[in-house]
Every structure is written in structure tokens, then in C-alpha cells.
């Protein structure tokens, strides 16, 4: 029963990731695409976590942490680019 629930949750996460990919490609605005990209990162964390539970291992916990950090940094960078038009400011005196 537990294995069936884990497989069902993997299927639901995979289908929602496909919907987010559709939003990433067809998003009407750039902020919608950024949100879809962040949601894909969160779904990858969920898929990795469920796979880790199914395989009864803690080897993927570092991968989950790395995905979370990368998703956060990517979202912050895209948001800063949308707001200011640049990610790294060259002139700090202004």
C-alpha cells in the first residue's frame, strides 16, 4: 500500500512538472515563466525526496539541498534581472 502511494505521488509530481513546462514555454509574461521555473525546481525536490523514501536511502539528501539552493538563487537572479535589467551591478557608487 505504501509503495502504491509513493508511485502515485511520483506520477502526480511528474504530471504537474509537465504542466509547469507548458507554462514555462507558453507563459503570457516573463514573471509567469519565472514562477513556473521556480515551481519546476520545487517539483524536482519533491521527486527526489519521494524517490529517496522509496529507495530507503539518505543518499539523495545532499541533492535535495543542492536543488533547493540552486532554485532559490535562480529565482532571486531572475527577479533582480526583471526589476533592474541587470544581475551584477558594476558601479556600486550610484
PDB file of N, CA and C in Angstrom:
ATOM      1  N   UNK A   1       0.822  -1.198   0.000  1.00  0.00           N
ATOM      2  CA  UNK A   1       0.000   0.000   0.000  1.00  0.00           C
ATOM      3  C   UNK A   1       0.865   1.261   0.000  1.00  0.00           C
ATOM      4  N   UNK A   2       1.899   1.264   0.845  1.00  0.00           N
ATOM      5  CA  UNK A   2       2.787   2.430   0.921  1.00  0.00           C
ATOM      6  C   UNK A   2       3.506   2.645  -0.405  1.00  0.00           C
ATOM      7  N   UNK A   3       3.924   1.545  -1.040  1.00  0.00           N
ATOM      8  CA  UNK A   3       4.620   1.639  -2.316  1.00  0.00           C
ATOM      9  C   UNK A   3       3.697   2.216  -3.395  1.00  0.00           C
ATOM     10  N   UNK A   4       2.442   1.838  -3.373  1.00  0.00           N
ATOM     11  CA  UNK A   4       1.485   2.357  -4.352  1.00  0.00           C
ATOM     12  C   UNK A   4       1.258   3.855  -4.153  1.00  0.00           C
ATOM     13  N   UNK A   5       1.204   4.298  -2.909  1.00  0.00           N
ATOM     14  CA  UNK A   5       1.032   5.725  -2.627  1.00  0.00           C
ATOM     15  C   UNK A   5       2.256   6.507  -3.094  1.00  0.00           C
ATOM     16  N   UNK A   6       3.434   5.962  -2.881  1.00  0.00           N
ATOM     17  CA  UNK A   6       4.659   6.637  -3.333  1.00  0.00           C
ATOM     18  C   UNK A   6       4.698   6.730  -4.859  1.00  0.00           C
ATOM     19  N   UNK A   7       4.301   5.663  -5.539  1.00  0.00           N
ATOM     20  CA  UNK A   7       4.268   5.692  -7.005  1.00  0.00           C
ATOM     21  C   UNK A   7       3.225   6.682  -7.509  1.00  0.00           C
ATOM     22  N   UNK A   8       2.094   6.765  -6.832  1.00  0.00           N
ATOM     23  CA  UNK A   8       1.062   7.724  -7.211  1.00  0.00           C
ATOM     24  C   UNK A   8       1.552   9.160  -7.009  1.00  0.00           C
ATOM     25  N   UNK A   9       2.263   9.400  -5.924  1.00  0.00           N
ATOM     26  CA  UNK A   9       2.786  10.741  -5.693  1.00  0.00           C
ATOM     27  C   UNK A   9       3.859  11.098  -6.724  1.00  0.00           C
ATOM     28  N   UNK A  10       4.677  10.134  -7.140  1.00  0.00           N
ATOM     29  CA  UNK A  10       5.638  10.384  -8.209  1.00  0.00           C
ATOM     30  C   UNK A  10       4.927  10.734  -9.506  1.00  0.00           C
ATOM     31  N   UNK A  11       3.848  10.039  -9.800  1.00  0.00           N
ATOM     32  CA  UNK A  11       3.089  10.314 -11.015  1.00  0.00           C
ATOM     33  C   UNK A  11       2.469  11.713 -10.968  1.00  0.00           C
ATOM     34  N   UNK A  12       1.903  12.074  -9.841  1.00  0.00           N
ATOM     35  CA  UNK A  12       1.288  13.397  -9.703  1.00  0.00           C
ATOM     36  C   UNK A  12       2.337  14.495  -9.837  1.00  0.00           C
ATOM     37  N   UNK A  13       3.488  14.312  -9.218  1.00  0.00           N
ATOM     38  CA  UNK A  13       4.561  15.307  -9.338  1.00  0.00           C
ATOM     39  C   UNK A  13       5.073  15.400 -10.769  1.00  0.00           C
ATOM     40  N   UNK A  14       5.176  14.279 -11.455  1.00  0.00           N
ATOM     41  CA  UNK A  14       5.655  14.288 -12.839  1.00  0.00           C
ATOM     42  C   UNK A  14       4.661  15.000 -13.758  1.00  0.00           C
ATOM     43  N   UNK A  15       3.371  14.751 -13.563  1.00  0.00           N
ATOM     44  CA  UNK A  15       2.359  15.409 -14.389  1.00  0.00           C
ATOM     45  C   UNK A  15       2.336  16.907 -14.113  1.00  0.00           C
ATOM     46  N   UNK A  16       2.447  17.297 -12.855  1.00  0.00           N
ATOM     47  CA  UNK A  16       2.457  18.729 -12.549  1.00  0.00           C
ATOM     48  C   UNK A  16       3.708  19.399 -13.114  1.00  0.00           C
ATOM     49  N   UNK A  17       4.829  18.682 -13.151  1.00  0.00           N
ATOM     50  CA  UNK A  17       6.035  19.230 -13.764  1.00  0.00           C
ATOM     51  C   UNK A  17       5.828  19.455 -15.257  1.00  0.00           C
ATOM     52  N   UNK A  18       5.119  18.541 -15.921  1.00  0.00           N
ATOM     53  CA  UNK A  18       4.806  18.740 -17.340  1.00  0.00           C
ATOM     54  C   UNK A  18       3.943  19.982 -17.546  1.00  0.00           C
ATOM     55  N   UNK A  19       2.971  20.200 -16.666  1.00  0.00           N
ATOM     56  CA  UNK A  19       2.139  21.410 -16.769  1.00  0.00           C
ATOM     57  C   UNK A  19       2.969  22.664 -16.548  1.00  0.00           C
ATOM     58  N   UNK A  20       3.926  22.597 -15.631  1.00  0.00           N
ATOM     59  CA  UNK A  20       4.799  23.753 -15.412  1.00  0.00           C
ATOM     60  C   UNK A  20       5.693  24.003 -16.616  1.00  0.00           C
ATOM     61  N   UNK A  21       6.143  22.940 -17.291  1.00  0.00           N
ATOM     62  CA  UNK A  21       6.915  23.129 -18.509  1.00  0.00           C
ATOM     63  C   UNK A  21       6.083  23.826 -19.582  1.00  0.00           C
ATOM     64  N   UNK A  22       4.817  23.464 -19.665  1.00  0.00           N
ATOM     65  CA  UNK A  22       3.923  24.145 -20.605  1.00  0.00           C
ATOM     66  C   UNK A  22       3.822  25.629 -20.254  1.00  0.00           C
ATOM     67  N   UNK A  23       3.684  25.937 -18.966  1.00  0.00           N
ATOM     68  CA  UNK A  23       3.614  27.334 -18.533  1.00  0.00           C
ATOM     69  C   UNK A  23       4.934  28.051 -18.794  1.00  0.00           C
ATOM     70  N   UNK A  24       6.045  27.335 -18.677  1.00  0.00           N
ATOM     71  CA  UNK A  24       7.355  27.920 -18.937  1.00  0.00           C
ATOM     72  C   UNK A  24       7.498  28.307 -20.405  1.00  0.00           C
ATOM     73  N   UNK A  25       6.972  27.488 -21.296  1.00  0.00           N
ATOM     74  CA  UNK A  25       7.085  27.756 -22.719  1.00  0.00           C
ATOM     75  C   UNK A  25       6.038  28.764 -23.183  1.00  0.00           C
ATOM     76  N   UNK A  26       4.805  28.601 -22.764  1.00  0.00           N
ATOM     77  CA  UNK A  26       3.701  29.411 -23.262  1.00  0.00           C
ATOM     78  C   UNK A  26       3.277  30.538 -22.327  1.00  0.00           C
ATOM     79  N   UNK A  27       4.011  30.772 -21.250  1.00  0.00           N
ATOM     80  CA  UNK A  27       3.612  31.788 -20.283  1.00  0.00           C
ATOM     81  C   UNK A  27       3.353  33.134 -20.942  1.00  0.00           C
ATOM     82  N   UNK A  28       2.276  33.797 -20.589  1.00  0.00           N
ATOM     83  CA  UNK A  28       1.982  35.065 -21.255  1.00  0.00           C
ATOM     84  C   UNK A  28       2.987  36.173 -20.915  1.00  0.00           C
ATOM     85  N   UNK A  29       3.557  36.133 -19.734  1.00  0.00           N
ATOM     86  CA  UNK A  29       4.524  37.157 -19.353  1.00  0.00           C
ATOM     87  C   UNK A  29       5.784  36.487 -18.806  1.00  0.00           C
ATOM     88  N   UNK A  30       6.839  37.257 -18.717  1.00  0.00           N
ATOM     89  CA  UNK A  30       8.102  36.732 -18.202  1.00  0.00           C
ATOM     90  C   UNK A  30       8.006  36.364 -16.712  1.00  0.00           C
ATOM     91  N   UNK A  31       7.324  37.159 -15.865  1.00  0.00           N
ATOM     92  CA  UNK A  31       7.189  36.713 -14.463  1.00  0.00           C
ATOM     93  C   UNK A  31       6.468  35.374 -14.316  1.00  0.00           C
ATOM     94  N   UNK A  32       5.513  35.080 -15.198  1.00  0.00           N
ATOM     95  CA  UNK A  32       4.873  33.763 -15.161  1.00  0.00           C
ATOM     96  C   UNK A  32       5.877  32.658 -15.447  1.00  0.00           C
ATOM     97  N   UNK A  33       6.781  32.924 -16.354  1.00  0.00           N
ATOM     98  CA  UNK A  33       7.806  31.938 -16.683  1.00  0.00           C
ATOM     99  C   UNK A  33       8.782  31.736 -15.531  1.00  0.00           C
ATOM    100  N   UNK A  34       9.096  32.813 -14.820  1.00  0.00           N
ATOM    101  CA  UNK A  34       9.994  32.704 -13.666  1.00  0.00           C
ATOM    102  C   UNK A  34       9.337  31.879 -12.564  1.00  0.00           C
ATOM    103  N   UNK A  35       8.057  32.115 -12.325  1.00  0.00           N
ATOM    104  CA  UNK A  35       7.333  31.344 -11.305  1.00  0.00           C
ATOM    105  C   UNK A  35       7.259  29.873 -11.711  1.00  0.00           C
ATOM    106  N   UNK A  36       7.034  29.607 -12.992  1.00  0.00           N
ATOM    107  CA  UNK A  36       6.994  28.220 -13.459  1.00  0.00           C
ATOM    108  C   UNK A  36       8.352  27.545 -13.286  1.00  0.00           C
ATOM    109  N   UNK A  37       9.425  28.265 -13.553  1.00  0.00           N
ATOM    110  CA  UNK A  37      10.754  27.698 -13.374  1.00  0.00           C
ATOM    111  C   UNK A  37      11.036  27.386 -11.909  1.00  0.00           C
ATOM    112  N   UNK A  38      10.608  28.266 -11.022  1.00  0.00           N
ATOM    113  CA  UNK A  38      10.773  28.014  -9.589  1.00  0.00           C
ATOM    114  C   UNK A  38       9.937  26.807  -9.150  1.00  0.00           C
ATOM    115  N   UNK A  39       8.733  26.706  -9.679  1.00  0.00           N
ATOM    116  CA  UNK A  39       7.873  25.568  -9.324  1.00  0.00           C
ATOM    117  C   UNK A  39       8.447  24.250  -9.852  1.00  0.00           C
ATOM    118  N   UNK A  40       9.095  24.291 -11.010  1.00  0.00           N
ATOM    119  CA  UNK A  40       9.745  23.084 -11.525  1.00  0.00           C
ATOM    120  C   UNK A  40      10.872  22.657 -10.585  1.00  0.00           C
ATOM    121  N   UNK A  41      11.615  23.630 -10.075  1.00  0.00           N
ATOM    122  CA  UNK A  41      12.663  23.307  -9.104  1.00  0.00           C
ATOM    123  C   UNK A  41      12.096  22.676  -7.843  1.00  0.00           C
ATOM    124  N   UNK A  42      10.982  23.204  -7.369  1.00  0.00           N
ATOM    125  CA  UNK A  42      10.338  22.630  -6.180  1.00  0.00           C
ATOM    126  C   UNK A  42       9.840  21.218  -6.465  1.00  0.00           C
ATOM    127  N   UNK A  43       9.283  21.005  -7.656  1.00  0.00           N
ATOM    128  CA  UNK A  43       8.836  19.659  -8.013  1.00  0.00           C
ATOM    129  C   UNK A  43      10.005  18.688  -8.115  1.00  0.00           C
ATOM    130  N   UNK A  44      11.142  19.151  -8.618  1.00  0.00           N
ATOM    131  CA  UNK A  44      12.321  18.274  -8.662  1.00  0.00           C
ATOM    132  C   UNK A  44      12.768  17.884  -7.262  1.00  0.00           C
ATOM    133  N   UNK A  45      12.665  18.822  -6.332  1.00  0.00           N
ATOM    134  CA  UNK A  45      12.990  18.497  -4.936  1.00  0.00           C
ATOM    135  C   UNK A  45      12.017  17.441  -4.411  1.00  0.00           C
ATOM    136  N   UNK A  46      10.749  17.601  -4.722  1.00  0.00           N
ATOM    137  CA  UNK A  46       9.753  16.615  -4.291  1.00  0.00           C
ATOM    138  C   UNK A  46       9.971  15.255  -4.920  1.00  0.00           C
ATOM    139  N   UNK A  47      10.258  15.232  -6.217  1.00  0.00           N
ATOM    140  CA  UNK A  47      10.524  13.961  -6.889  1.00  0.00           C
ATOM    141  C   UNK A  47      11.743  13.264  -6.288  1.00  0.00           C
ATOM    142  N   UNK A  48      12.777  14.020  -6.005  1.00  0.00           N
ATOM    143  CA  UNK A  48      13.973  13.430  -5.406  1.00  0.00           C
ATOM    144  C   UNK A  48      13.692  12.918  -3.998  1.00  0.00           C
ATOM    145  N   UNK A  49      12.895  13.670  -3.241  1.00  0.00           N
ATOM    146  CA  UNK A  49      12.546  13.239  -1.886  1.00  0.00           C
ATOM    147  C   UNK A  49      11.719  11.965  -1.871  1.00  0.00           C
ATOM    148  N   UNK A  50      10.731  11.886  -2.746  1.00  0.00           N
ATOM    149  CA  UNK A  50       9.896  10.677  -2.804  1.00  0.00           C
ATOM    150  C   UNK A  50      10.723   9.486  -3.280  1.00  0.00           C
ATOM    151  N   UNK A  51      11.608   9.711  -4.236  1.00  0.00           N
ATOM    152  CA  UNK A  51      12.485   8.629  -4.691  1.00  0.00           C
ATOM    153  C   UNK A  51      13.400   8.160  -3.565  1.00  0.00           C
ATOM    154  N   UNK A  52      13.880   9.096  -2.771  1.00  0.00           N
ATOM    155  CA  UNK A  52      14.732   8.737  -1.635  1.00  0.00           C
ATOM    156  C   UNK A  52      13.970   7.884  -0.620  1.00  0.00           C
ATOM    157  N   UNK A  53      12.711   8.230  -0.383  1.00  0.00           N
ATOM    158  CA  UNK A  53      11.905   7.444   0.556  1.00  0.00           C
ATOM    159  C   UNK A  53      11.615   6.062  -0.022  1.00  0.00           C
ATOM    160  N   UNK A  54      11.322   6.006  -1.330  1.00  0.00           N
ATOM    161  CA  UNK A  54      11.016   4.713  -1.948  1.00  0.00           C
ATOM    162  C   UNK A  54      12.225   3.779  -1.919  1.00  0.00           C
ATOM    163  N   UNK A  55      13.425   4.331  -2.121  1.00  0.00           N
ATOM    164  CA  UNK A  55      14.625   3.507  -2.126  1.00  0.00           C
ATOM    165  C   UNK A  55      15.200   3.280  -0.729  1.00  0.00           C
ATOM    166  N   UNK A  56      14.593   3.894   0.271  1.00  0.00           N
ATOM    167  CA  UNK A  56      15.003   3.760   1.675  1.00  0.00           C
ATOM    168  C   UNK A  56      16.481   4.111   1.860  1.00  0.00           C
ATOM    169  N   UNK A  57      16.848   5.269   1.327  1.00  0.00           N
ATOM    170  CA  UNK A  57      18.229   5.724   1.427  1.00  0.00           C
ATOM    171  C   UNK A  57      18.255   7.217   1.744  1.00  0.00           C
ATOM    172  N   UNK A  58      19.343   7.639   2.319  1.00  0.00           N
ATOM    173  CA  UNK A  58      19.503   9.071   2.592  1.00  0.00           C
ATOM    174  C   UNK A  58      20.574   9.673   1.687  1.00  0.00           C
ATOM    175  N   UNK A  59      20.918   8.965   0.629  1.00  0.00           N
ATOM    176  CA  UNK A  59      21.978   9.425  -0.268  1.00  0.00           C
ATOM    177  C   UNK A  59      21.558  10.640  -1.073  1.00  0.00           C
ATOM    178  N   UNK A  60      20.264  10.836  -1.258  1.00  0.00           N
ATOM    179  CA  UNK A  60      19.787  11.931  -2.084  1.00  0.00           C
ATOM    180  C   UNK A  60      19.550  13.215  -1.308  1.00  0.00           C
ATOM    181  N   UNK A  61      19.797  13.225  -0.018  1.00  0.00           N
ATOM    182  CA  UNK A  61      19.525  14.427   0.774  1.00  0.00           C
ATOM    183  C   UNK A  61      20.438  15.584   0.379  1.00  0.00           C
ATOM    184  N   UNK A  62      21.670  15.294   0.008  1.00  0.00           N
ATOM    185  CA  UNK A  62      22.565  16.344  -0.481  1.00  0.00           C
ATOM    186  C   UNK A  62      22.064  16.915  -1.798  1.00  0.00           C
ATOM    187  N   UNK A  63      21.521  16.055  -2.643  1.00  0.00           N
ATOM    188  CA  UNK A  63      20.966  16.513  -3.923  1.00  0.00           C
ATOM    189  C   UNK A  63      19.765  17.422  -3.682  1.00  0.00           C
ATOM    190  N   UNK A  64      18.925  17.069  -2.715  1.00  0.00           N
ATOM    191  CA  UNK A  64      17.767  17.893  -2.389  1.00  0.00           C
ATOM    192  C   UNK A  64      18.210  19.269  -1.906  1.00  0.00           C
ATOM    193  N   UNK A  65      19.216  19.305  -1.058  1.00  0.00           N
ATOM    194  CA  UNK A  65      19.739  20.581  -0.569  1.00  0.00           C
ATOM    195  C   UNK A  65      20.321  21.410  -1.711  1.00  0.00           C
ATOM    196  N   UNK A  66      21.065  20.789  -2.593  1.00  0.00           N
ATOM    197  CA  UNK A  66      21.650  21.490  -3.727  1.00  0.00           C
ATOM    198  C   UNK A  66      20.571  22.036  -4.659  1.00  0.00           C
ATOM    199  N   UNK A  67      19.550  21.245  -4.944  1.00  0.00           N
ATOM    200  CA  UNK A  67      18.449  21.715  -5.793  1.00  0.00           C
ATOM    201  C   UNK A  67      17.721  22.899  -5.164  1.00  0.00           C
ATOM    202  N   UNK A  68      17.528  22.857  -3.857  1.00  0.00           N
ATOM    203  CA  UNK A  68      16.869  23.963  -3.180  1.00  0.00           C
ATOM    204  C   UNK A  68      17.667  25.249  -3.260  1.00  0.00           C
ATOM    205  N   UNK A  69      18.979  25.137  -3.064  1.00  0.00           N
ATOM    206  CA  UNK A  69      19.835  26.325  -3.137  1.00  0.00           C
ATOM    207  C   UNK A  69      19.847  26.881  -4.560  1.00  0.00           C
ATOM    208  N   UNK A  70      19.989  26.009  -5.556  1.00  0.00           N
ATOM    209  CA  UNK A  70      20.011  26.467  -6.942  1.00  0.00           C
ATOM    210  C   UNK A  70      18.690  27.086  -7.371  1.00  0.00           C
ATOM    211  N   UNK A  71      17.577  26.511  -6.938  1.00  0.00           N
ATOM    212  CA  UNK A  71      16.268  27.073  -7.278  1.00  0.00           C
ATOM    213  C   UNK A  71      16.101  28.457  -6.657  1.00  0.00           C
ATOM    214  N   UNK A  72      16.540  28.613  -5.421  1.00  0.00           N
ATOM    215  CA  UNK A  72      16.435  29.914  -4.753  1.00  0.00           C
ATOM    216  C   UNK A  72      17.302  30.961  -5.440  1.00  0.00           C
ATOM    217  N   UNK A  73      18.551  30.618  -5.724  1.00  0.00           N
ATOM    218  CA  UNK A  73      19.454  31.573  -6.369  1.00  0.00           C
ATOM    219  C   UNK A  73      18.952  31.934  -7.764  1.00  0.00           C
ATOM    220  N   UNK A  74      18.450  30.964  -8.491  1.00  0.00           N
ATOM    221  CA  UNK A  74      17.913  31.243  -9.822  1.00  0.00           C
ATOM    222  C   UNK A  74      16.713  32.166  -9.778  1.00  0.00           C
ATOM    223  N   UNK A  75      15.817  31.950  -8.829  1.00  0.00           N
ATOM    224  CA  UNK A  75      14.643  32.806  -8.713  1.00  0.00           C
ATOM    225  C   UNK A  75      15.034  34.225  -8.323  1.00  0.00           C
ATOM    226  N   UNK A  76      15.964  34.369  -7.400  1.00  0.00           N
ATOM    227  CA  UNK A  76      16.423  35.704  -7.000  1.00  0.00           C
ATOM    228  C   UNK A  76      17.101  36.406  -8.170  1.00  0.00           C
ATOM    229  N   UNK A  77      17.924  35.690  -8.926  1.00  0.00           N
ATOM    230  CA  UNK A  77      18.626  36.304 -10.053  1.00  0.00           C
ATOM    231  C   UNK A  77      17.643  36.750 -11.139  1.00  0.00           C
ATOM    232  N   UNK A  78      16.678  35.905 -11.469  1.00  0.00           N
ATOM    233  CA  UNK A  78      15.685  36.290 -12.479  1.00  0.00           C
ATOM    234  C   UNK A  78      14.855  37.471 -12.009  1.00  0.00           C
ATOM    235  N   UNK A  79      14.482  37.477 -10.740  1.00  0.00           N
ATOM    236  CA  UNK A  79      13.678  38.580 -10.215  1.00  0.00           C
ATOM    237  C   UNK A  79      14.459  39.885 -10.252  1.00  0.00           C
ATOM    238  N   UNK A  80      15.725  39.827  -9.886  1.00  0.00           N
ATOM    239  CA  UNK A  80      16.554  41.040  -9.926  1.00  0.00           C
ATOM    240  C   UNK A  80      16.738  41.509 -11.361  1.00  0.00           C
ATOM    241  N   UNK A  81      16.896  40.587 -12.291  1.00  0.00           N
ATOM    242  CA  UNK A  81      17.032  40.961 -13.690  1.00  0.00           C
ATOM    243  C   UNK A  81      15.755  41.615 -14.211  1.00  0.00           C
ATOM    244  N   UNK A  82      14.595  41.091 -13.822  1.00  0.00           N
ATOM    245  CA  UNK A  82      13.333  41.675 -14.266  1.00  0.00           C
ATOM    246  C   UNK A  82      13.119  43.057 -13.672  1.00  0.00           C
ATOM    247  N   UNK A  83      13.584  43.259 -12.454  1.00  0.00           N
ATOM    248  CA  UNK A  83      13.373  44.542 -11.783  1.00  0.00           C
ATOM    249  C   UNK A  83      14.339  45.616 -12.272  1.00  0.00           C
ATOM    250  N   UNK A  84      15.638  45.281 -12.376  1.00  0.00           N
ATOM    251  CA  UNK A  84      16.644  46.295 -12.676  1.00  0.00           C
ATOM    252  C   UNK A  84      17.252  46.176 -14.072  1.00  0.00           C
ATOM    253  N   UNK A  85      17.096  45.062 -14.716  1.00  0.00           N
ATOM    254  CA  UNK A  85      17.670  44.884 -16.037  1.00  0.00           C
ATOM    255  C   UNK A  85      19.088  44.355 -16.025  1.00  0.00           C
ATOM    256  N   UNK A  86      19.665  44.157 -14.859  1.00  0.00           N
ATOM    257  CA  UNK A  86      20.996  43.579 -14.743  1.00  0.00           C
ATOM    258  C   UNK A  86      21.069  42.759 -13.464  1.00  0.00           C
ATOM    259  N   UNK A  87      21.932  41.765 -13.474  1.00  0.00           N
ATOM    260  CA  UNK A  87      22.045  40.894 -12.312  1.00  0.00           C
ATOM    261  C   UNK A  87      23.184  41.346 -11.411  1.00  0.00           C
ATOM    262  N   UNK A  88      24.327  41.626 -12.004  1.00  0.00           N
ATOM    263  CA  UNK A  88      25.500  42.059 -11.240  1.00  0.00           C
ATOM    264  C   UNK A  88      25.735  43.533 -11.531  1.00  0.00           C
ATOM    265  N   UNK A  89      25.719  44.329 -10.492  1.00  0.00           N
ATOM    266  CA  UNK A  89      25.939  45.755 -10.659  1.00  0.00           C
ATOM    267  C   UNK A  89      27.434  46.028 -10.699  1.00  0.00           C
ATOM    268  N   UNK A  90      27.883  46.715 -11.744  1.00  0.00           N
ATOM    269  CA  UNK A  90      29.307  47.021 -11.874  1.00  0.00           C
ATOM    270  C   UNK A  90      29.697  48.275 -11.107  1.00  0.00           C
ATOM    271  N   UNK A  91      28.800  49.272 -11.052  1.00  0.00           N
ATOM    272  CA  UNK A  91      29.097  50.536 -10.370  1.00  0.00           C
ATOM    273  C   UNK A  91      28.325  50.602  -9.083  1.00  0.00           C
ATOM    274  N   UNK A  92      29.008  50.487  -7.956  1.00  0.00           N
ATOM    275  CA  UNK A  92      28.346  50.480  -6.651  1.00  0.00           C
ATOM    276  C   UNK A  92      28.216  51.873  -6.051  1.00  0.00           C
ATOM    277  N   UNK A  93      28.776  52.903  -6.683  1.00  0.00           N
ATOM    278  CA  UNK A  93      28.724  54.250  -6.121  1.00  0.00           C
ATOM    279  C   UNK A  93      27.384  54.935  -6.359  1.00  0.00           C
ATOM    280  N   UNK A  94      26.575  54.426  -7.210  1.00  0.00           N
ATOM    281  CA  UNK A  94      25.293  55.074  -7.511  1.00  0.00           C
ATOM    282  C   UNK A  94      24.196  54.605  -6.615  1.00  0.00           C
TER     283      UNK A  94
END
